[in-house]
Amino acid sequence: MSGQSGASRVGCLLAILILVLVGYGAVQFVGKEIDYQTLRSEAQDLARQALDTPDQTIREGIQNEASRLELPVSAGHPTIRRTPPNHIQITIQYPDSLTLFHRWYWVRQRRIEVDLTY
């Protein structure tokens, strides 16, 4: 035997390890994207109901959703601006951090802007 089977086993194990690491990172990233889209959807739903909903109720709905998603506190502090006729703007900003293996950190600023006429 020339030792080729041992080299191919190491190569296979290395490929599997890389695949697992990439898969783990992808799952973490997709989870953050789902949280972002969920908060964005909640803000849009609340903006559509703005005619019958006071700003404080909208603010509380966003705070509750941000808390449920375990987002940073700043995600629960939207800026709400109403302009005539029947126009609402909701802006949410927060830092979104992704941690991989408690070693690598990536932080990006998230911004949700909802601009609707109700």
Protein backbone atom coordinates (compact mmCIF):
# COMPACT_ATOMS: atom_id res chain seq x y z
CA MET A 1 0.00 0.00 0.00
CA SER A 2 1.22 3.45 -0.80
CA GLY A 3 -0.61 5.36 1.99
CA GLN A 4 -3.11 7.02 -0.32
CA SER A 5 -6.15 5.84 1.63
CA GLY A 6 -5.01 7.68 4.76
CA ALA A 7 -4.60 10.92 2.83
CA SER A 8 -8.05 10.61 1.31
CA ARG A 9 -9.59 10.03 4.76
CA VAL A 10 -7.94 13.18 6.12
CA GLY A 11 -9.13 15.12 3.07
CA CYS A 12 -12.65 13.80 3.53
CA LEU A 13 -12.69 14.67 7.23
CA LEU A 14 -11.35 18.15 6.47
CA ALA A 15 -14.06 18.68 3.85
CA ILE A 16 -16.74 17.57 6.32
CA LEU A 17 -15.35 19.90 8.99
CA ILE A 18 -15.40 22.85 6.57
CA LEU A 19 -18.95 21.97 5.53
CA VAL A 20 -20.08 21.88 9.17
CA LEU A 21 -18.43 25.24 9.92
CA VAL A 22 -20.00 26.89 6.87
CA GLY A 23 -23.38 25.37 7.76
CA TYR A 24 -23.16 26.67 11.32
CA GLY A 25 -22.32 30.17 10.11
CA ALA A 26 -25.16 30.09 7.59
CA VAL A 27 -27.69 29.05 10.23
CA GLN A 28 -26.57 31.89 12.51
CA PHE A 29 -26.78 34.42 9.67
CA VAL A 30 -30.19 33.23 8.45
CA GLY A 31 -31.56 33.44 12.01
CA LYS A 32 -30.55 37.11 12.21
CA GLU A 33 -32.17 37.79 8.83
CA ILE A 34 -35.41 36.15 9.95
CA ASP A 35 -35.47 38.30 13.11
CA TYR A 36 -34.91 41.45 11.02
CA GLN A 37 -37.68 40.57 8.56
CA THR A 38 -40.07 39.66 11.39
CA LEU A 39 -39.56 43.04 13.09
CA ARG A 40 -39.92 44.80 9.73
CA SER A 41 -43.19 42.96 9.05
CA GLU A 42 -44.53 43.89 12.50
CA ALA A 43 -43.71 47.56 11.92
CA GLN A 44 -45.47 47.46 8.53
CA ASP A 45 -48.55 45.81 10.03
CA LEU A 46 -48.74 48.41 12.78
CA ALA A 47 -48.29 51.24 10.27
CA ARG A 48 -51.22 49.92 8.22
CA GLN A 49 -53.39 50.20 11.35
CA ALA A 50 -52.18 53.73 12.13
CA LEU A 51 -55.55 55.39 11.50
CA ASP A 52 -57.05 53.76 14.59
CA THR A 53 -53.85 53.24 16.58
CA PRO A 54 -52.07 55.87 18.70
CA ASP A 55 -48.28 56.22 18.49
CA GLN A 56 -47.78 54.79 21.97
CA THR A 57 -49.59 51.57 21.01
CA ILE A 58 -47.45 51.27 17.87
CA ARG A 59 -44.33 51.85 19.95
CA GLU A 60 -45.39 49.20 22.48
CA GLY A 61 -46.11 46.68 19.70
CA ILE A 62 -42.63 47.17 18.27
CA GLN A 63 -41.06 46.97 21.73
CA ASN A 64 -42.90 43.71 22.45
CA GLU A 65 -41.82 42.16 19.16
CA ALA A 66 -38.19 43.27 19.59
CA SER A 67 -38.20 41.85 23.12
CA ARG A 68 -39.73 38.56 21.95
CA LEU A 69 -37.04 38.26 19.28
CA GLU A 70 -34.36 39.10 21.88
CA LEU A 71 -33.08 42.01 19.82
CA PRO A 72 -31.07 44.86 21.36
CA VAL A 73 -33.04 47.36 23.45
CA SER A 74 -32.59 50.06 20.80
CA ALA A 75 -34.69 47.95 18.38
CA GLY A 76 -37.67 48.64 20.63
CA HIS A 77 -37.32 52.43 20.41
CA PRO A 78 -38.74 53.43 17.02
CA THR A 79 -39.08 56.96 15.71
CA ILE A 80 -42.67 57.60 14.67
CA ARG A 81 -43.60 60.60 12.58
CA ARG A 82 -47.04 61.44 11.22
CA THR A 83 -47.64 63.98 8.49
CA PRO A 84 -50.88 65.06 6.86
CA PRO A 85 -52.79 63.67 5.11
CA ASN A 86 -52.74 60.27 6.83
CA HIS A 87 -49.06 59.52 6.37
CA ILE A 88 -46.83 57.69 8.85
CA GLN A 89 -43.10 57.04 8.93
CA ILE A 90 -41.62 54.53 11.34
CA THR A 91 -37.85 54.19 11.64
CA ILE A 92 -36.09 51.54 13.71
CA GLN A 93 -32.30 51.37 14.09
CA TYR A 94 -30.27 48.89 16.07
CA PRO A 95 -26.89 47.14 16.03
CA ASP A 96 -27.19 43.53 14.93
CA SER A 97 -24.29 41.38 16.10
CA LEU A 98 -23.40 37.94 14.85
CA THR A 99 -21.10 35.82 16.99
CA LEU A 100 -19.44 32.71 15.64
CA PHE A 101 -18.01 30.23 18.13
CA HIS A 102 -17.69 32.96 20.80
CA ARG A 103 -14.61 34.12 18.94
CA TRP A 104 -15.52 36.14 15.87
CA TYR A 105 -17.92 39.06 16.06
CA TRP A 106 -19.60 40.92 13.26
CA VAL A 107 -21.76 43.96 13.99
CA ARG A 108 -23.81 45.81 11.43
CA GLN A 109 -26.28 48.60 11.83
CA ARG A 110 -29.80 47.58 10.90
CA ARG A 111 -32.33 50.12 9.73
CA ILE A 112 -36.02 49.54 9.11
CA GLU A 113 -37.98 52.30 7.40
CA VAL A 114 -41.71 52.07 6.92
CA ASP A 115 -43.33 54.90 4.98
CA LEU A 116 -47.06 54.41 4.37
CA THR A 117 -50.26 56.27 3.77
CA TYR A 118 -53.12 54.86 5.83
